[in-house]
C-alpha atoms as a PDB file:
ATOM      1  CA  VAL A   1     137.031 -22.885 -21.183  1.00  0.00           C
ATOM      2  CA  ILE A   2     139.553 -25.589 -20.284  1.00  0.00           C
ATOM      3  CA  VAL A   3     141.226 -25.376 -16.872  1.00  0.00           C
ATOM      4  CA  THR A   4     144.372 -27.322 -16.064  1.00  0.00           C
ATOM      5  CA  SER A   5     147.195 -27.339 -13.518  1.00  0.00           C
ATOM      6  CA  SER A   6     150.442 -29.067 -12.665  1.00  0.00           C
ATOM      7  CA  SER A   7     148.746 -31.986 -10.849  1.00  0.00           C
ATOM      8  CA  GLY A   8     145.326 -33.558 -10.455  1.00  0.00           C
ATOM      9  CA  SER A   9     145.162 -32.800  -6.735  1.00  0.00           C
ATOM     10  CA  GLN A  10     146.124 -29.167  -7.296  1.00  0.00           C
ATOM     11  CA  LEU A  11     143.403 -28.848  -9.915  1.00  0.00           C
ATOM     12  CA  LYS A  12     140.643 -30.466  -7.846  1.00  0.00           C
ATOM     13  CA  ASN A  13     141.450 -29.314  -4.315  1.00  0.00           C
ATOM     14  CA  GLN A  14     142.724 -25.812  -5.000  1.00  0.00           C
ATOM     15  CA  LEU A  15     141.864 -24.353  -8.399  1.00  0.00           C
ATOM     16  CA  TRP A  16     138.484 -26.002  -9.024  1.00  0.00           C
ATOM     17  CA  LYS A  17     137.453 -25.405  -5.425  1.00  0.00           C
ATOM     18  CA  GLU A  18     138.043 -21.673  -5.968  1.00  0.00           C
ATOM     19  CA  ILE A  19     136.096 -21.737  -9.241  1.00  0.00           C
ATOM     20  CA  ARG A  20     133.139 -23.345  -7.459  1.00  0.00           C
ATOM     21  CA  ARG A  21     133.274 -20.675  -4.765  1.00  0.00           C
ATOM     22  CA  LEU A  22     133.255 -17.852  -7.313  1.00  0.00           C
ATOM     23  CA  PHE A  23     130.479 -19.551  -9.260  1.00  0.00           C
ATOM     24  CA  GLU A  24     128.144 -19.910  -6.290  1.00  0.00           C
ATOM     25  CA  ASP A  25     129.147 -17.076  -3.934  1.00  0.00           C
ATOM     26  CA  PRO A  26     127.025 -13.936  -4.439  1.00  0.00           C
ATOM     27  CA  LYS A  27     129.531 -11.651  -2.702  1.00  0.00           C
ATOM     28  CA  ASP A  28     132.209 -12.183  -5.315  1.00  0.00           C
ATOM     29  CA  VAL A  29     129.770 -11.796  -8.192  1.00  0.00           C
ATOM     30  CA  ASP A  30     128.577  -8.491  -6.749  1.00  0.00           C
ATOM     31  CA  ARG A  31     132.158  -7.299  -6.317  1.00  0.00           C
ATOM     32  CA  LEU A  32     133.071  -8.166  -9.889  1.00  0.00           C
ATOM     33  CA  ALA A  33     129.816  -6.619 -11.199  1.00  0.00           C
ATOM     34  CA  ILE A  34     129.166  -9.609 -13.402  1.00  0.00           C
ATOM     35  CA  ALA A  35     125.427  -9.994 -12.776  1.00  0.00           C
ATOM     36  CA  LYS A  36     122.792  -7.253 -12.821  1.00  0.00           C
ATOM     37  CA  THR A  37     119.781  -9.292 -11.725  1.00  0.00           C
ATOM     38  CA  ALA A  38     120.973 -12.764 -10.803  1.00  0.00           C
ATOM     39  CA  ARG A  39     122.717 -13.034  -7.436  1.00  0.00           C
ATOM     40  CA  THR A  40     125.262 -15.601  -8.596  1.00  0.00           C
ATOM     41  CA  LEU A  41     126.822 -16.883 -11.787  1.00  0.00           C
ATOM     42  CA  LYS A  42     124.973 -20.126 -11.126  1.00  0.00           C
ATOM     43  CA  GLU A  43     121.646 -18.292 -11.346  1.00  0.00           C
ATOM     44  CA  LEU A  44     122.777 -16.120 -14.248  1.00  0.00           C
ATOM     45  CA  LEU A  45     123.825 -19.051 -16.442  1.00  0.00           C
ATOM     46  CA  GLY A  46     121.229 -21.545 -15.269  1.00  0.00           C
ATOM     47  CA  ALA A  47     123.868 -24.213 -14.735  1.00  0.00           C
ATOM     48  CA  ASP A  48     125.381 -26.276 -11.946  1.00  0.00           C
ATOM     49  CA  CYS A  49     129.054 -26.635 -11.052  1.00  0.00           C
ATOM     50  CA  SER A  50     130.070 -30.252 -10.486  1.00  0.00           C
ATOM     51  CA  LEU A  51     132.479 -31.321  -7.752  1.00  0.00           C
ATOM     52  CA  ASP A  52     134.379 -33.142 -10.492  1.00  0.00           C
ATOM     53  CA  PRO A  53     136.429 -30.791 -12.724  1.00  0.00           C
ATOM     54  CA  ALA A  54     136.035 -33.214 -15.640  1.00  0.00           C
ATOM     55  CA  THR A  55     132.261 -32.737 -15.543  1.00  0.00           C
ATOM     56  CA  GLY A  56     132.679 -29.042 -14.840  1.00  0.00           C
ATOM     57  CA  ILE A  57     130.034 -26.455 -15.677  1.00  0.00           C
ATOM     58  CA  ARG A  58     127.755 -27.184 -18.613  1.00  0.00           C
ATOM     59  CA  VAL A  59     125.575 -24.266 -19.738  1.00  0.00           C
ATOM     60  CA  PRO A  60     122.342 -25.130 -21.627  1.00  0.00           C
ATOM     61  CA  ASP A  61     123.393 -23.107 -24.697  1.00  0.00           C
ATOM     62  CA  GLY A  62     126.452 -25.317 -25.208  1.00  0.00           C
ATOM     63  CA  ARG A  63     129.124 -23.325 -23.381  1.00  0.00           C
ATOM     64  CA  ALA A  64     131.226 -25.219 -20.870  1.00  0.00           C
ATOM     65  CA  ILE A  65     133.996 -24.863 -18.322  1.00  0.00           C
ATOM     66  CA  PHE A  66     135.799 -28.046 -17.359  1.00  0.00           C
ATOM     67  CA  GLY A  67     139.180 -29.128 -16.051  1.00  0.00           C
ATOM     68  CA  PHE A  68     141.712 -31.882 -16.554  1.00  0.00           C
ATOM     69  CA  SER A  69     145.278 -32.683 -15.569  1.00  0.00           C
ATOM     70  CA  THR A  70     147.491 -35.159 -17.391  1.00  0.00           C
ATOM     71  CA  ASN A  71     151.074 -36.192 -18.002  1.00  0.00           C
ATOM     72  CA  LYS A  72     150.235 -37.649 -21.415  1.00  0.00           C
ATOM     73  CA  THR A  73     150.701 -35.354 -24.383  1.00  0.00           C
ATOM     74  CA  ASP A  74     147.884 -36.829 -26.457  1.00  0.00           C
ATOM     75  CA  ARG A  75     145.348 -36.106 -23.712  1.00  0.00           C
ATOM     76  CA  ALA A  76     146.355 -32.425 -23.622  1.00  0.00           C
ATOM     77  CA  GLY A  77     145.673 -31.935 -27.307  1.00  0.00           C
ATOM     78  CA  GLY A  78     142.694 -32.349 -29.552  1.00  0.00           C
ATOM     79  CA  TYR A  79     140.775 -29.227 -28.519  1.00  0.00           C
ATOM     80  CA  SER A  80     140.258 -26.325 -30.900  1.00  0.00           C
ATOM     81  CA  GLY A  81     137.966 -23.446 -31.713  1.00  0.00           C
ATOM     82  CA  ALA A  82     137.993 -19.687 -32.106  1.00  0.00           C
ATOM     83  CA  GLU A  83     136.142 -19.227 -28.807  1.00  0.00           C
ATOM     84  CA  LEU A  84     138.425 -21.548 -26.833  1.00  0.00           C
ATOM     85  CA  LEU A  85     140.126 -20.280 -23.663  1.00  0.00           C
ATOM     86  CA  ILE A  86     142.689 -22.424 -21.819  1.00  0.00           C
ATOM     87  CA  LEU A  87     143.743 -21.534 -18.268  1.00  0.00           C
ATOM     88  CA  ALA A  88     146.972 -23.246 -17.181  1.00  0.00           C
ATOM     89  CA  ASP A  89     147.658 -22.662 -13.483  1.00  0.00           C
ATOM     90  CA  GLU A  90     150.889 -23.509 -11.615  1.00  0.00           C
ATOM     91  CA  ALA A  91     152.488 -23.394 -15.054  1.00  0.00           C
ATOM     92  CA  SER A  92     156.018 -23.695 -13.709  1.00  0.00           C
ATOM     93  CA  GLY A  93     155.241 -27.345 -12.952  1.00  0.00           C
ATOM     94  CA  ILE A  94     153.731 -28.144 -16.368  1.00  0.00           C
ATOM     95  CA  ASP A  95     155.969 -30.297 -18.566  1.00  0.00           C
ATOM     96  CA  ALA A  96     157.174 -28.768 -21.824  1.00  0.00           C
ATOM     97  CA  SER A  97     155.438 -31.398 -23.961  1.00  0.00           C
ATOM     98  CA  ILE A  98     152.108 -30.714 -22.225  1.00  0.00           C
ATOM     99  CA  GLY A  99     152.564 -26.954 -22.576  1.00  0.00           C
ATOM    100  CA  GLU A 100     153.296 -27.286 -26.278  1.00  0.00           C
ATOM    101  CA  ALA A 101     150.193 -29.447 -26.725  1.00  0.00           C
ATOM    102  CA  LEU A 102     148.087 -26.802 -24.992  1.00  0.00           C
ATOM    103  CA  GLU A 103     149.502 -24.186 -27.344  1.00  0.00           C
ATOM    104  CA  GLY A 104     148.657 -26.397 -30.299  1.00  0.00           C
ATOM    105  CA  ASN A 105     144.987 -26.223 -29.327  1.00  0.00           C
ATOM    106  CA  CYS A 106     145.011 -22.487 -30.059  1.00  0.00           C
ATOM    107  CA  VAL A 107     145.829 -22.690 -33.773  1.00  0.00           C
ATOM    108  CA  GLY A 108     142.206 -21.896 -34.638  1.00  0.00           C
ATOM    109  CA  GLY A 109     142.165 -18.635 -32.711  1.00  0.00           C
ATOM    110  CA  GLY A 110     141.899 -19.828 -29.125  1.00  0.00           C
ATOM    111  CA  ARG A 111     143.721 -18.128 -26.249  1.00  0.00           C
ATOM    112  CA  LEU A 112     146.017 -19.584 -23.602  1.00  0.00           C
ATOM    113  CA  LEU A 113     146.652 -17.987 -20.201  1.00  0.00           C
ATOM    114  CA  ALA A 114     149.530 -19.494 -18.177  1.00  0.00           C
ATOM    115  CA  THR A 115     149.900 -18.355 -14.567  1.00  0.00           C
ATOM    116  CA  GLY A 116     151.997 -19.397 -11.595  1.00  0.00           C
ATOM    117  CA  ASN A 117     154.931 -18.659  -9.354  1.00  0.00           C
ATOM    118  CA  PRO A 118     158.265 -18.654 -11.253  1.00  0.00           C
ATOM    119  CA  LEU A 119     159.737 -21.604  -9.385  1.00  0.00           C
ATOM    120  CA  GLU A 120     161.836 -23.405 -12.000  1.00  0.00           C
ATOM    121  CA  PRO A 121     164.579 -21.604 -13.967  1.00  0.00           C
ATOM    122  CA  ILE A 122     164.117 -24.159 -16.738  1.00  0.00           C
ATOM    123  CA  GLY A 123     161.188 -25.542 -18.693  1.00  0.00           C
ATOM    124  CA  TRP A 124     158.159 -24.373 -20.655  1.00  0.00           C
ATOM    125  CA  PHE A 125     157.027 -21.555 -18.345  1.00  0.00           C
ATOM    126  CA  PHE A 126     160.567 -20.229 -17.943  1.00  0.00           C
ATOM    127  CA  ASP A 127     161.115 -20.204 -21.713  1.00  0.00           C
ATOM    128  CA  ILE A 128     157.966 -18.116 -22.218  1.00  0.00           C
ATOM    129  CA  PHE A 129     159.526 -15.295 -20.197  1.00  0.00           C
ATOM    130  CA  GLN A 130     163.128 -15.717 -21.288  1.00  0.00           C
ATOM    131  CA  LYS A 131     163.126 -16.907 -24.909  1.00  0.00           C
ATOM    132  CA  ARG A 132     159.638 -16.436 -26.347  1.00  0.00           C
ATOM    133  CA  GLN A 133     158.461 -13.032 -25.206  1.00  0.00           C
ATOM    134  CA  GLU A 134     157.629 -11.967 -28.767  1.00  0.00           C
ATOM    135  CA  ALA A 135     154.970 -14.686 -28.966  1.00  0.00           C
ATOM    136  CA  TRP A 136     153.479 -14.005 -25.537  1.00  0.00           C
ATOM    137  CA  VAL A 137     152.233 -11.079 -23.463  1.00  0.00           C
ATOM    138  CA  CYS A 138     154.274 -11.491 -20.292  1.00  0.00           C
ATOM    139  CA  ARG A 139     153.358  -9.932 -16.962  1.00  0.00           C
ATOM    140  CA  ARG A 140     155.199 -10.147 -13.646  1.00  0.00           C
ATOM    141  CA  ILE A 141     153.396  -9.232 -10.424  1.00  0.00           C
ATOM    142  CA  ASP A 142     155.301  -8.524  -7.233  1.00  0.00           C
ATOM    143  CA  SER A 143     153.214  -9.401  -4.166  1.00  0.00           C
ATOM    144  CA  ARG A 144     154.203  -6.061  -2.668  1.00  0.00           C
ATOM    145  CA  GLU A 145     152.481  -4.262  -5.574  1.00  0.00           C
ATOM    146  CA  THR A 146     149.038  -5.805  -5.027  1.00  0.00           C
ATOM    147  CA  PRO A 147     146.083  -3.873  -3.536  1.00  0.00           C
ATOM    148  CA  ASN A 148     146.518  -5.712  -0.235  1.00  0.00           C
ATOM    149  CA  CYS A 149     149.872  -3.997   0.205  1.00  0.00           C
ATOM    150  CA  THR A 150     149.513  -0.678  -1.614  1.00  0.00           C
ATOM    151  CA  GLY A 151     146.047   0.211  -0.336  1.00  0.00           C
ATOM    152  CA  LYS A 152     145.300   1.964  -3.642  1.00  0.00           C
ATOM    153  CA  GLU A 153     142.394  -0.369  -4.417  1.00  0.00           C
ATOM    154  CA  PRO A 154     140.072  -2.531  -2.306  1.00  0.00           C
ATOM    155  CA  PRO A 155     141.932  -5.550  -0.907  1.00  0.00           C
ATOM    156  CA  ILE A 156     141.486  -8.931  -2.589  1.00  0.00           C
ATOM    157  CA  PRO A 157     140.666 -11.795  -0.178  1.00  0.00           C
ATOM    158  CA  GLY A 158     143.313 -14.493  -0.202  1.00  0.00           C
ATOM    159  CA  LEU A 159     146.259 -12.440  -1.414  1.00  0.00           C
ATOM    160  CA  ALA A 160     149.322 -12.067   0.818  1.00  0.00           C
ATOM    161  CA  GLU A 161     149.127  -9.428   3.533  1.00  0.00           C
ATOM    162  CA  PRO A 162     151.981  -6.994   4.355  1.00  0.00           C
ATOM    163  CA  SER A 163     152.703  -8.671   7.716  1.00  0.00           C
ATOM    164  CA  PHE A 164     153.122 -12.044   6.017  1.00  0.00           C
ATOM    165  CA  LEU A 165     155.491 -10.616   3.400  1.00  0.00           C
ATOM    166  CA  ALA A 166     157.525  -8.857   6.073  1.00  0.00           C
ATOM    167  CA  GLY A 167     157.904 -12.175   7.870  1.00  0.00           C
ATOM    168  CA  ARG A 168     159.101 -13.900   4.706  1.00  0.00           C
ATOM    169  CA  ALA A 169     161.656 -11.145   4.099  1.00  0.00           C
ATOM    170  CA  ARG A 170     162.917 -11.574   7.648  1.00  0.00           C
ATOM    171  CA  ASP A 171     163.026 -15.376   7.570  1.00  0.00           C
ATOM    172  CA  TRP A 172     164.253 -15.960   4.020  1.00  0.00           C
ATOM    173  CA  GLY A 173     166.028 -12.715   3.109  1.00  0.00           C
ATOM    174  CA  GLU A 174     164.937 -10.712   0.065  1.00  0.00           C
ATOM    175  CA  ALA A 175     167.821 -12.054  -2.022  1.00  0.00           C
ATOM    176  CA  SER A 176     166.925 -15.703  -1.383  1.00  0.00           C
ATOM    177  CA  PRO A 177     165.510 -17.830  -4.238  1.00  0.00           C
ATOM    178  CA  MET A 178     162.366 -18.537  -2.213  1.00  0.00           C
ATOM    179  CA  PHE A 179     161.617 -14.847  -1.651  1.00  0.00           C
ATOM    180  CA  GLN A 180     162.359 -13.934  -5.257  1.00  0.00           C
ATOM    181  CA  ALA A 181     160.059 -16.659  -6.615  1.00  0.00           C
ATOM    182  CA  ARG A 182     157.302 -16.554  -4.008  1.00  0.00           C
ATOM    183  CA  VAL A 183     157.112 -12.809  -3.330  1.00  0.00           C
ATOM    184  CA  ALA A 184     158.946 -10.767  -5.965  1.00  0.00           C
ATOM    185  CA  GLY A 185     157.803 -12.868  -8.922  1.00  0.00           C
ATOM    186  CA  ASN A 186     161.287 -13.460 -10.324  1.00  0.00           C
ATOM    187  CA  PHE A 187     162.719 -16.748 -11.545  1.00  0.00           C
ATOM    188  CA  PRO A 188     165.417 -17.930  -9.106  1.00  0.00           C
ATOM    189  CA  ASP A 189     168.945 -18.617 -10.271  1.00  0.00           C
ATOM    190  CA  LEU A 190     169.883 -22.286 -10.787  1.00  0.00           C
ATOM    191  CA  SER A 191     173.356 -22.731  -9.373  1.00  0.00           C
ATOM    192  CA  THR A 192     175.624 -25.613 -10.356  1.00  0.00           C
ATOM    193  CA  ASN A 193     175.613 -27.026  -6.807  1.00  0.00           C
ATOM    194  CA  THR A 194     171.814 -27.266  -6.545  1.00  0.00           C
ATOM    195  CA  VAL A 195     170.725 -30.770  -5.533  1.00  0.00           C
ATOM    196  CA  ILE A 196     166.946 -30.256  -5.235  1.00  0.00           C
ATOM    197  CA  SER A 197     165.369 -27.358  -7.095  1.00  0.00           C
ATOM    198  CA  LEU A 198     162.869 -24.935  -5.576  1.00  0.00           C
ATOM    199  CA  GLY A 199     160.168 -26.188  -7.940  1.00  0.00           C
ATOM    200  CA  VAL A 200     160.546 -29.794  -6.780  1.00  0.00           C
ATOM    201  CA  VAL A 201     160.285 -28.780  -3.123  1.00  0.00           C
ATOM    202  CA  THR A 202     157.252 -26.592  -3.808  1.00  0.00           C
ATOM    203  CA  GLY A 203     155.551 -29.355  -5.781  1.00  0.00           C
ATOM    204  CA  ALA A 204     155.959 -31.756  -2.864  1.00  0.00           C
ATOM    205  CA  THR A 205     154.525 -29.152  -0.498  1.00  0.00           C
ATOM    206  CA  GLN A 206     151.510 -28.606  -2.758  1.00  0.00           C
ATOM    207  CA  ARG A 207     150.816 -32.328  -2.951  1.00  0.00           C
ATOM    208  CA  TRP A 208     150.899 -32.492   0.841  1.00  0.00           C
ATOM    209  CA  GLU A 209     148.528 -29.522   1.204  1.00  0.00           C
ATOM    210  CA  CYS A 210     146.161 -31.021  -1.359  1.00  0.00           C
ATOM    211  CA  GLY A 211     145.670 -34.176   0.697  1.00  0.00           C
ATOM    212  CA  GLU A 212     147.944 -36.688  -1.018  1.00  0.00           C
ATOM    213  CA  GLN A 213     149.364 -37.683   2.376  1.00  0.00           C
ATOM    214  CA  GLU A 214     146.534 -40.180   2.863  1.00  0.00           C
ATOM    215  CA  SER A 215     147.888 -43.691   2.460  1.00  0.00           C
ATOM    216  CA  ASP A 216     147.425 -47.263   3.675  1.00  0.00           C
ATOM    217  CA  ASP A 217     151.153 -47.967   3.545  1.00  0.00           C
ATOM    218  CA  VAL A 218     153.078 -49.188   6.571  1.00  0.00           C
ATOM    219  CA  LEU A 219     154.030 -46.513   9.098  1.00  0.00           C
ATOM    220  CA  SER A 220     157.819 -46.341   9.527  1.00  0.00           C
ATOM    221  CA  PHE A 221     160.065 -44.213  11.731  1.00  0.00           C
ATOM    222  CA  GLY A 222     163.467 -42.769  10.989  1.00  0.00           C
ATOM    223  CA  VAL A 223     165.530 -41.991  14.100  1.00  0.00           C
ATOM    224  CA  ASP A 224     168.758 -40.010  14.188  1.00  0.00           C
ATOM    225  CA  VAL A 225     170.180 -40.499  17.703  1.00  0.00           C
ATOM    226  CA  ALA A 226     172.459 -37.724  18.962  1.00  0.00           C
ATOM    227  CA  ARG A 227     172.753 -38.611  22.659  1.00  0.00           C
ATOM    228  CA  PHE A 228     174.512 -35.770  24.521  1.00  0.00           C
ATOM    229  CA  GLY A 229     176.424 -32.720  23.307  1.00  0.00           C
ATOM    230  CA  ASP A 230     175.263 -29.907  21.045  1.00  0.00           C
ATOM    231  CA  ASP A 231     173.387 -32.063  18.524  1.00  0.00           C
ATOM    232  CA  ASP A 232     169.689 -32.998  18.637  1.00  0.00           C
ATOM    233  CA  SER A 233     167.984 -36.349  18.186  1.00  0.00           C
ATOM    234  CA  VAL A 234     165.329 -36.386  15.465  1.00  0.00           C
ATOM    235  CA  ILE A 235     162.421 -38.802  15.101  1.00  0.00           C
ATOM    236  CA  ARG A 236     160.469 -38.666  11.855  1.00  0.00           C
ATOM    237  CA  PRO A 237     157.526 -40.897  10.878  1.00  0.00           C
ATOM    238  CA  ARG A 238     156.898 -41.823   7.263  1.00  0.00           C
ATOM    239  CA  ARG A 239     153.943 -43.524   5.610  1.00  0.00           C
ATOM    240  CA  GLY A 240     154.611 -44.553   2.031  1.00  0.00           C
ATOM    241  CA  ARG A 241     156.150 -41.614   0.170  1.00  0.00           C
ATOM    242  CA  VAL A 242     154.963 -39.045   2.714  1.00  0.00           C
ATOM    243  CA  ALA A 243     157.122 -37.822   5.613  1.00  0.00           C
ATOM    244  CA  PHE A 244     155.285 -36.366   8.596  1.00  0.00           C
ATOM    245  CA  PRO A 245     156.593 -33.563  10.863  1.00  0.00           C
ATOM    246  CA  ALA A 246     159.735 -34.377  12.796  1.00  0.00           C
ATOM    247  CA  THR A 247     160.023 -34.505  16.581  1.00  0.00           C
ATOM    248  CA  VAL A 248     163.281 -32.974  17.824  1.00  0.00           C
ATOM    249  CA  VAL A 249     164.620 -33.778  21.321  1.00  0.00           C
ATOM    250  CA  HIS A 250     167.825 -32.827  23.086  1.00  0.00           C
ATOM    251  CA  GLY A 251     169.868 -34.389  25.854  1.00  0.00           C
ATOM    252  CA  LEU A 252     168.322 -37.869  25.960  1.00  0.00           C
ATOM    253  CA  ASP A 253     170.496 -40.965  26.304  1.00  0.00           C
ATOM    254  CA  THR A 254     170.285 -43.848  23.850  1.00  0.00           C
ATOM    255  CA  GLN A 255     167.660 -45.881  25.734  1.00  0.00           C
ATOM    256  CA  GLU A 256     165.423 -42.866  26.287  1.00  0.00           C
END
């Protein structure tokens, strides 16, 4: 099994972290009814799960689960086999050349599963749903149709709760691109006056949440001075390519 994602930090700090939890947590194994005698997958397979996705999980009988992330096409290819499974997460952020290389690995009978929020109305993931449905089995899942919202099945830890979704509908509006992509599971429209796409904004947010804000670069401050009137003054620190939360003040004179 090969696991990949749209960025190295997303793979290591989000996806692989979840794989390690499932591998070593007995509660999830019991819920999924995977093991009859062993308490965890770790015990069942007699293997360890490395902190490094590249090392991954190596089972004594030769099976393996490992991860990689790359922006070089040649590194995404070169894998094959009838028992190969490739999991591509956050697929909306995977470049078309990388996606095509992943598909090329499946010529010998392997399978490819691409998952993610439909953030970009262009690219490899978008084309799968819009132009290549005959070659793929496509599934769309609305967050409001999950067990956490319907109550028809036991809830799944980590999925969005009804109160959260109600807040997003109130704040964003159900017709907004963010709600359609993040909640309804629909690709947003790309209008001609779009300057920064939803996928680019989401990618920056993911990099921030995955810890890429750490830097030794010089700390700088941007200051937009409003003085008096209806406008606000905004002070925003930046270190390298990372902007930190803004401080907004009102009614201060220039010296203050």
